[in-house]
């Protein structure tokens, strides 16, 4: 987990509460990468939108190739994401 203070799900309000709710609905939990950015919900929302555009938007790369690239980069960075 992060070394910075994050906002717990029980204290989330407004946009952050909606983001947490959507994350829990999608994966059954709030991922650390989401909580890490909880102090700035508008930036967190922008990051989520960027992720969706890169991974699911129209692209000459297949979804599988994009996912493979993400795995290689995460492995090289020793990051489980």
PDB file of N, CA and C in Angstrom:
ATOM      1  N   UNK A   1       0.841  -1.186   0.000  1.00  0.00           N
ATOM      2  CA  UNK A   1       0.000   0.000   0.000  1.00  0.00           C
ATOM      3  C   UNK A   1       0.876   1.236   0.000  1.00  0.00           C
ATOM      4  N   UNK A   2       0.282   2.328  -0.331  1.00  0.00           N
ATOM      5  CA  UNK A   2       0.993   3.596  -0.467  1.00  0.00           C
ATOM      6  C   UNK A   2       1.480   4.131   0.874  1.00  0.00           C
ATOM      7  N   UNK A   3       2.509   4.946   0.809  1.00  0.00           N
ATOM      8  CA  UNK A   3       3.042   5.611   1.992  1.00  0.00           C
ATOM      9  C   UNK A   3       2.368   6.957   2.217  1.00  0.00           C
ATOM     10  N   UNK A   4       1.414   7.291   1.392  1.00  0.00           N
ATOM     11  CA  UNK A   4       0.690   8.538   1.581  1.00  0.00           C
ATOM     12  C   UNK A   4      -0.670   8.230   2.200  1.00  0.00           C
ATOM     13  N   UNK A   5      -1.267   9.226   2.790  1.00  0.00           N
ATOM     14  CA  UNK A   5      -2.595   9.061   3.365  1.00  0.00           C
ATOM     15  C   UNK A   5      -3.613   8.982   2.240  1.00  0.00           C
ATOM     16  N   UNK A   6      -4.468   7.981   2.301  1.00  0.00           N
ATOM     17  CA  UNK A   6      -5.520   7.824   1.302  1.00  0.00           C
ATOM     18  C   UNK A   6      -6.872   7.939   1.985  1.00  0.00           C
ATOM     19  N   UNK A   7      -7.903   8.100   1.189  1.00  0.00           N
ATOM     20  CA  UNK A   7      -9.255   8.214   1.725  1.00  0.00           C
ATOM     21  C   UNK A   7      -9.905   6.842   1.685  1.00  0.00           C
ATOM     22  N   UNK A   8     -10.279   6.356   2.842  1.00  0.00           N
ATOM     23  CA  UNK A   8     -10.928   5.060   2.973  1.00  0.00           C
ATOM     24  C   UNK A   8     -12.319   5.109   2.334  1.00  0.00           C
ATOM     25  N   UNK A   9     -12.768   3.975   1.894  1.00  0.00           N
ATOM     26  CA  UNK A   9     -14.082   3.887   1.253  1.00  0.00           C
ATOM     27  C   UNK A   9     -15.189   4.420   2.165  1.00  0.00           C
ATOM     28  N   UNK A  10     -15.093   4.178   3.445  1.00  0.00           N
ATOM     29  CA  UNK A  10     -16.137   4.620   4.381  1.00  0.00           C
ATOM     30  C   UNK A  10     -16.182   6.142   4.545  1.00  0.00           C
ATOM     31  N   UNK A  11     -15.130   6.845   4.107  1.00  0.00           N
ATOM     32  CA  UNK A  11     -15.084   8.303   4.214  1.00  0.00           C
ATOM     33  C   UNK A  11     -15.215   9.007   2.858  1.00  0.00           C
ATOM     34  N   UNK A  12     -15.385   8.234   1.808  1.00  0.00           N
ATOM     35  CA  UNK A  12     -15.483   8.821   0.466  1.00  0.00           C
ATOM     36  C   UNK A  12     -16.816   9.543   0.285  1.00  0.00           C
ATOM     37  N   UNK A  13     -16.757  10.669  -0.415  1.00  0.00           N
ATOM     38  CA  UNK A  13     -17.950  11.465  -0.703  1.00  0.00           C
ATOM     39  C   UNK A  13     -17.926  11.900  -2.160  1.00  0.00           C
ATOM     40  N   UNK A  14     -19.084  12.246  -2.688  1.00  0.00           N
ATOM     41  CA  UNK A  14     -19.192  12.826  -4.017  1.00  0.00           C
ATOM     42  C   UNK A  14     -18.581  11.964  -5.100  1.00  0.00           C
ATOM     43  N   UNK A  15     -17.738  12.587  -5.930  1.00  0.00           N
ATOM     44  CA  UNK A  15     -17.122  11.899  -7.062  1.00  0.00           C
ATOM     45  C   UNK A  15     -16.327  10.682  -6.612  1.00  0.00           C
ATOM     46  N   UNK A  16     -15.559  10.813  -5.549  1.00  0.00           N
ATOM     47  CA  UNK A  16     -14.762   9.683  -5.078  1.00  0.00           C
ATOM     48  C   UNK A  16     -15.654   8.517  -4.655  1.00  0.00           C
ATOM     49  N   UNK A  17     -16.745   8.818  -4.007  1.00  0.00           N
ATOM     50  CA  UNK A  17     -17.685   7.770  -3.599  1.00  0.00           C
ATOM     51  C   UNK A  17     -18.235   7.044  -4.833  1.00  0.00           C
ATOM     52  N   UNK A  18     -18.532   7.790  -5.889  1.00  0.00           N
ATOM     53  CA  UNK A  18     -19.039   7.172  -7.124  1.00  0.00           C
ATOM     54  C   UNK A  18     -17.964   6.318  -7.794  1.00  0.00           C
ATOM     55  N   UNK A  19     -16.732   6.793  -7.787  1.00  0.00           N
ATOM     56  CA  UNK A  19     -15.622   6.032  -8.370  1.00  0.00           C
ATOM     57  C   UNK A  19     -15.412   4.743  -7.584  1.00  0.00           C
ATOM     58  N   UNK A  20     -15.373   4.845  -6.264  1.00  0.00           N
ATOM     59  CA  UNK A  20     -15.201   3.658  -5.417  1.00  0.00           C
ATOM     60  C   UNK A  20     -16.336   2.661  -5.648  1.00  0.00           C
ATOM     61  N   UNK A  21     -17.556   3.157  -5.723  1.00  0.00           N
ATOM     62  CA  UNK A  21     -18.714   2.286  -5.934  1.00  0.00           C
ATOM     63  C   UNK A  21     -18.601   1.534  -7.258  1.00  0.00           C
ATOM     64  N   UNK A  22     -18.206   2.250  -8.309  1.00  0.00           N
ATOM     65  CA  UNK A  22     -18.044   1.613  -9.624  1.00  0.00           C
ATOM     66  C   UNK A  22     -16.922   0.575  -9.594  1.00  0.00           C
ATOM     67  N   UNK A  23     -15.831   0.895  -8.898  1.00  0.00           N
ATOM     68  CA  UNK A  23     -14.710  -0.047  -8.805  1.00  0.00           C
ATOM     69  C   UNK A  23     -15.130  -1.304  -8.054  1.00  0.00           C
ATOM     70  N   UNK A  24     -15.836  -1.133  -6.953  1.00  0.00           N
ATOM     71  CA  UNK A  24     -16.288  -2.284  -6.170  1.00  0.00           C
ATOM     72  C   UNK A  24     -17.264  -3.128  -6.980  1.00  0.00           C
ATOM     73  N   UNK A  25     -18.147  -2.476  -7.726  1.00  0.00           N
ATOM     74  CA  UNK A  25     -19.114  -3.203  -8.551  1.00  0.00           C
ATOM     75  C   UNK A  25     -18.397  -4.010  -9.639  1.00  0.00           C
ATOM     76  N   UNK A  26     -17.360  -3.422 -10.218  1.00  0.00           N
ATOM     77  CA  UNK A  26     -16.654  -4.078 -11.315  1.00  0.00           C
ATOM     78  C   UNK A  26     -15.763  -5.220 -10.838  1.00  0.00           C
ATOM     79  N   UNK A  27     -15.020  -5.013  -9.750  1.00  0.00           N
ATOM     80  CA  UNK A  27     -14.043  -6.036  -9.365  1.00  0.00           C
ATOM     81  C   UNK A  27     -14.228  -6.580  -7.947  1.00  0.00           C
ATOM     82  N   UNK A  28     -15.213  -6.075  -7.233  1.00  0.00           N
ATOM     83  CA  UNK A  28     -15.468  -6.573  -5.890  1.00  0.00           C
ATOM     84  C   UNK A  28     -14.577  -5.976  -4.821  1.00  0.00           C
ATOM     85  N   UNK A  29     -13.723  -5.030  -5.206  1.00  0.00           N
ATOM     86  CA  UNK A  29     -12.825  -4.393  -4.238  1.00  0.00           C
ATOM     87  C   UNK A  29     -12.363  -3.053  -4.787  1.00  0.00           C
ATOM     88  N   UNK A  30     -11.680  -2.286  -3.940  1.00  0.00           N
ATOM     89  CA  UNK A  30     -11.085  -1.017  -4.360  1.00  0.00           C
ATOM     90  C   UNK A  30      -9.587  -1.273  -4.492  1.00  0.00           C
ATOM     91  N   UNK A  31      -9.082  -1.252  -5.708  1.00  0.00           N
ATOM     92  CA  UNK A  31      -7.661  -1.523  -5.953  1.00  0.00           C
ATOM     93  C   UNK A  31      -6.790  -0.433  -5.341  1.00  0.00           C
ATOM     94  N   UNK A  32      -5.590  -0.821  -4.933  1.00  0.00           N
ATOM     95  CA  UNK A  32      -4.653   0.130  -4.343  1.00  0.00           C
ATOM     96  C   UNK A  32      -4.362   1.301  -5.267  1.00  0.00           C
ATOM     97  N   UNK A  33      -4.273   1.052  -6.570  1.00  0.00           N
ATOM     98  CA  UNK A  33      -3.965   2.127  -7.515  1.00  0.00           C
ATOM     99  C   UNK A  33      -5.077   3.182  -7.528  1.00  0.00           C
ATOM    100  N   UNK A  34      -6.299   2.768  -7.236  1.00  0.00           N
ATOM    101  CA  UNK A  34      -7.423   3.713  -7.139  1.00  0.00           C
ATOM    102  C   UNK A  34      -7.319   4.498  -5.833  1.00  0.00           C
ATOM    103  N   UNK A  35      -7.119   3.788  -4.722  1.00  0.00           N
ATOM    104  CA  UNK A  35      -7.012   4.463  -3.427  1.00  0.00           C
ATOM    105  C   UNK A  35      -5.840   5.428  -3.388  1.00  0.00           C
ATOM    106  N   UNK A  36      -4.765   5.073  -4.064  1.00  0.00           N
ATOM    107  CA  UNK A  36      -3.577   5.912  -4.072  1.00  0.00           C
ATOM    108  C   UNK A  36      -3.877   7.324  -4.574  1.00  0.00           C
ATOM    109  N   UNK A  37      -4.833   7.431  -5.486  1.00  0.00           N
ATOM    110  CA  UNK A  37      -5.162   8.728  -6.079  1.00  0.00           C
ATOM    111  C   UNK A  37      -6.424   9.349  -5.480  1.00  0.00           C
ATOM    112  N   UNK A  38      -6.848   8.829  -4.339  1.00  0.00           N
ATOM    113  CA  UNK A  38      -8.123   9.245  -3.748  1.00  0.00           C
ATOM    114  C   UNK A  38      -8.157  10.699  -3.272  1.00  0.00           C
ATOM    115  N   UNK A  39      -7.007  11.299  -3.058  1.00  0.00           N
ATOM    116  CA  UNK A  39      -6.983  12.684  -2.593  1.00  0.00           C
ATOM    117  C   UNK A  39      -7.288  13.697  -3.690  1.00  0.00           C
ATOM    118  N   UNK A  40      -7.348  13.226  -4.932  1.00  0.00           N
ATOM    119  CA  UNK A  40      -7.641  14.120  -6.051  1.00  0.00           C
ATOM    120  C   UNK A  40      -8.617  13.413  -6.994  1.00  0.00           C
ATOM    121  N   UNK A  41      -9.897  13.324  -6.616  1.00  0.00           N
ATOM    122  CA  UNK A  41     -10.874  12.598  -7.427  1.00  0.00           C
ATOM    123  C   UNK A  41     -10.955  13.034  -8.891  1.00  0.00           C
ATOM    124  N   UNK A  42     -10.884  14.341  -9.225  1.00  0.00           N
ATOM    125  CA  UNK A  42     -10.929  14.694 -10.650  1.00  0.00           C
ATOM    126  C   UNK A  42      -9.746  14.110 -11.436  1.00  0.00           C
ATOM    127  N   UNK A  43      -8.555  14.117 -10.853  1.00  0.00           N
ATOM    128  CA  UNK A  43      -7.399  13.516 -11.527  1.00  0.00           C
ATOM    129  C   UNK A  43      -7.571  12.009 -11.624  1.00  0.00           C
ATOM    130  N   UNK A  44      -8.108  11.395 -10.578  1.00  0.00           N
ATOM    131  CA  UNK A  44      -8.376   9.954 -10.597  1.00  0.00           C
ATOM    132  C   UNK A  44      -9.358   9.625 -11.712  1.00  0.00           C
ATOM    133  N   UNK A  45     -10.414  10.396 -11.842  1.00  0.00           N
ATOM    134  CA  UNK A  45     -11.405  10.167 -12.909  1.00  0.00           C
ATOM    135  C   UNK A  45     -10.746  10.297 -14.278  1.00  0.00           C
ATOM    136  N   UNK A  46      -9.884  11.287 -14.451  1.00  0.00           N
ATOM    137  CA  UNK A  46      -9.179  11.469 -15.723  1.00  0.00           C
ATOM    138  C   UNK A  46      -8.273  10.277 -16.016  1.00  0.00           C
ATOM    139  N   UNK A  47      -7.601   9.745 -14.996  1.00  0.00           N
ATOM    140  CA  UNK A  47      -6.739   8.578 -15.175  1.00  0.00           C
ATOM    141  C   UNK A  47      -7.562   7.366 -15.606  1.00  0.00           C
ATOM    142  N   UNK A  48      -8.725   7.184 -15.005  1.00  0.00           N
ATOM    143  CA  UNK A  48      -9.599   6.067 -15.362  1.00  0.00           C
ATOM    144  C   UNK A  48     -10.060   6.209 -16.807  1.00  0.00           C
ATOM    145  N   UNK A  49     -10.427   7.415 -17.205  1.00  0.00           N
ATOM    146  CA  UNK A  49     -10.871   7.650 -18.583  1.00  0.00           C
ATOM    147  C   UNK A  49      -9.728   7.414 -19.579  1.00  0.00           C
ATOM    148  N   UNK A  50      -8.518   7.835 -19.231  1.00  0.00           N
ATOM    149  CA  UNK A  50      -7.366   7.584 -20.089  1.00  0.00           C
ATOM    150  C   UNK A  50      -7.120   6.083 -20.226  1.00  0.00           C
ATOM    151  N   UNK A  51      -7.159   5.370 -19.113  1.00  0.00           N
ATOM    152  CA  UNK A  51      -6.975   3.914 -19.134  1.00  0.00           C
ATOM    153  C   UNK A  51      -8.002   3.264 -20.066  1.00  0.00           C
ATOM    154  N   UNK A  52      -9.254   3.643 -19.920  1.00  0.00           N
ATOM    155  CA  UNK A  52     -10.308   3.058 -20.772  1.00  0.00           C
ATOM    156  C   UNK A  52     -10.071   3.375 -22.237  1.00  0.00           C
ATOM    157  N   UNK A  53      -9.659   4.590 -22.547  1.00  0.00           N
ATOM    158  CA  UNK A  53      -9.403   4.970 -23.937  1.00  0.00           C
ATOM    159  C   UNK A  53      -8.243   4.170 -24.516  1.00  0.00           C
ATOM    160  N   UNK A  54      -7.173   4.019 -23.739  1.00  0.00           N
ATOM    161  CA  UNK A  54      -5.998   3.296 -24.218  1.00  0.00           C
ATOM    162  C   UNK A  54      -6.284   1.804 -24.363  1.00  0.00           C
ATOM    163  N   UNK A  55      -6.948   1.230 -23.384  1.00  0.00           N
ATOM    164  CA  UNK A  55      -7.135  -0.220 -23.380  1.00  0.00           C
ATOM    165  C   UNK A  55      -8.365  -0.693 -24.158  1.00  0.00           C
ATOM    166  N   UNK A  56      -9.385   0.140 -24.276  1.00  0.00           N
ATOM    167  CA  UNK A  56     -10.632  -0.307 -24.898  1.00  0.00           C
ATOM    168  C   UNK A  56     -11.048   0.516 -26.115  1.00  0.00           C
ATOM    169  N   UNK A  57     -10.385   1.639 -26.358  1.00  0.00           N
ATOM    170  CA  UNK A  57     -10.751   2.493 -27.481  1.00  0.00           C
ATOM    171  C   UNK A  57     -10.288   1.933 -28.814  1.00  0.00           C
ATOM    172  N   UNK A  58     -10.719   2.569 -29.847  1.00  0.00           N
ATOM    173  CA  UNK A  58     -10.325   2.159 -31.196  1.00  0.00           C
ATOM    174  C   UNK A  58      -8.810   2.282 -31.334  1.00  0.00           C
ATOM    175  N   UNK A  59      -8.204   1.250 -31.907  1.00  0.00           N
ATOM    176  CA  UNK A  59      -6.749   1.217 -32.015  1.00  0.00           C
ATOM    177  C   UNK A  59      -6.343   0.215 -33.084  1.00  0.00           C
ATOM    178  N   UNK A  60      -5.198   0.439 -33.740  1.00  0.00           N
ATOM    179  CA  UNK A  60      -4.706  -0.579 -34.671  1.00  0.00           C
ATOM    180  C   UNK A  60      -4.205  -1.817 -33.927  1.00  0.00           C
ATOM    181  N   UNK A  61      -3.985  -1.704 -32.627  1.00  0.00           N
ATOM    182  CA  UNK A  61      -3.548  -2.847 -31.821  1.00  0.00           C
ATOM    183  C   UNK A  61      -4.764  -3.567 -31.249  1.00  0.00           C
ATOM    184  N   UNK A  62      -4.715  -4.885 -31.258  1.00  0.00           N
ATOM    185  CA  UNK A  62      -5.807  -5.651 -30.661  1.00  0.00           C
ATOM    186  C   UNK A  62      -5.801  -5.458 -29.152  1.00  0.00           C
ATOM    187  N   UNK A  63      -6.907  -5.779 -28.537  1.00  0.00           N
ATOM    188  CA  UNK A  63      -7.005  -5.698 -27.074  1.00  0.00           C
ATOM    189  C   UNK A  63      -5.955  -6.605 -26.443  1.00  0.00           C
ATOM    190  N   UNK A  64      -5.768  -7.793 -27.003  1.00  0.00           N
ATOM    191  CA  UNK A  64      -4.782  -8.740 -26.470  1.00  0.00           C
ATOM    192  C   UNK A  64      -3.368  -8.168 -26.547  1.00  0.00           C
ATOM    193  N   UNK A  65      -3.026  -7.513 -27.652  1.00  0.00           N
ATOM    194  CA  UNK A  65      -1.686  -6.925 -27.781  1.00  0.00           C
ATOM    195  C   UNK A  65      -1.490  -5.784 -26.781  1.00  0.00           C
ATOM    196  N   UNK A  66      -2.511  -4.978 -26.589  1.00  0.00           N
ATOM    197  CA  UNK A  66      -2.402  -3.891 -25.612  1.00  0.00           C
ATOM    198  C   UNK A  66      -2.189  -4.456 -24.210  1.00  0.00           C
ATOM    199  N   UNK A  67      -2.915  -5.514 -23.901  1.00  0.00           N
ATOM    200  CA  UNK A  67      -2.772  -6.143 -22.585  1.00  0.00           C
ATOM    201  C   UNK A  67      -1.373  -6.759 -22.440  1.00  0.00           C
ATOM    202  N   UNK A  68      -0.878  -7.379 -23.487  1.00  0.00           N
ATOM    203  CA  UNK A  68       0.476  -7.950 -23.443  1.00  0.00           C
ATOM    204  C   UNK A  68       1.520  -6.866 -23.208  1.00  0.00           C
ATOM    205  N   UNK A  69       1.363  -5.723 -23.873  1.00  0.00           N
ATOM    206  CA  UNK A  69       2.305  -4.620 -23.675  1.00  0.00           C
ATOM    207  C   UNK A  69       2.265  -4.130 -22.232  1.00  0.00           C
ATOM    208  N   UNK A  70       1.082  -4.044 -21.668  1.00  0.00           N
ATOM    209  CA  UNK A  70       0.945  -3.602 -20.279  1.00  0.00           C
ATOM    210  C   UNK A  70       1.630  -4.588 -19.335  1.00  0.00           C
ATOM    211  N   UNK A  71       1.496  -5.873 -19.611  1.00  0.00           N
ATOM    212  CA  UNK A  71       2.134  -6.892 -18.765  1.00  0.00           C
ATOM    213  C   UNK A  71       3.653  -6.791 -18.856  1.00  0.00           C
ATOM    214  N   UNK A  72       4.176  -6.613 -20.058  1.00  0.00           N
ATOM    215  CA  UNK A  72       5.630  -6.506 -20.234  1.00  0.00           C
ATOM    216  C   UNK A  72       6.170  -5.277 -19.502  1.00  0.00           C
ATOM    217  N   UNK A  73       5.513  -4.138 -19.657  1.00  0.00           N
ATOM    218  CA  UNK A  73       5.963  -2.915 -18.992  1.00  0.00           C
ATOM    219  C   UNK A  73       5.875  -3.066 -17.475  1.00  0.00           C
ATOM    220  N   UNK A  74       4.779  -3.638 -16.995  1.00  0.00           N
ATOM    221  CA  UNK A  74       4.639  -3.838 -15.551  1.00  0.00           C
ATOM    222  C   UNK A  74       5.707  -4.779 -15.026  1.00  0.00           C
ATOM    223  N   UNK A  75       6.004  -5.815 -15.769  1.00  0.00           N
ATOM    224  CA  UNK A  75       7.050  -6.757 -15.355  1.00  0.00           C
ATOM    225  C   UNK A  75       8.415  -6.071 -15.316  1.00  0.00           C
ATOM    226  N   UNK A  76       8.709  -5.298 -16.339  1.00  0.00           N
ATOM    227  CA  UNK A  76       9.995  -4.584 -16.391  1.00  0.00           C
ATOM    228  C   UNK A  76      10.125  -3.600 -15.225  1.00  0.00           C
ATOM    229  N   UNK A  77       8.996  -3.030 -14.797  1.00  0.00           N
ATOM    230  CA  UNK A  77       8.976  -2.089 -13.676  1.00  0.00           C
ATOM    231  C   UNK A  77       8.780  -2.781 -12.320  1.00  0.00           C
ATOM    232  N   UNK A  78       8.726  -4.100 -12.353  1.00  0.00           N
ATOM    233  CA  UNK A  78       8.472  -4.895 -11.132  1.00  0.00           C
ATOM    234  C   UNK A  78       7.213  -4.439 -10.413  1.00  0.00           C
ATOM    235  N   UNK A  79       6.166  -4.229 -11.201  1.00  0.00           N
ATOM    236  CA  UNK A  79       4.875  -3.763 -10.702  1.00  0.00           C
ATOM    237  C   UNK A  79       3.816  -4.820 -11.041  1.00  0.00           C
ATOM    238  N   UNK A  80       3.020  -5.240 -10.083  1.00  0.00           N
ATOM    239  CA  UNK A  80       2.045  -6.290 -10.360  1.00  0.00           C
ATOM    240  C   UNK A  80       0.875  -5.823 -11.226  1.00  0.00           C
ATOM    241  N   UNK A  81       0.740  -4.522 -11.466  1.00  0.00           N
ATOM    242  CA  UNK A  81      -0.317  -4.063 -12.359  1.00  0.00           C
ATOM    243  C   UNK A  81       0.093  -4.286 -13.789  1.00  0.00           C
TER     244      UNK A  81
END
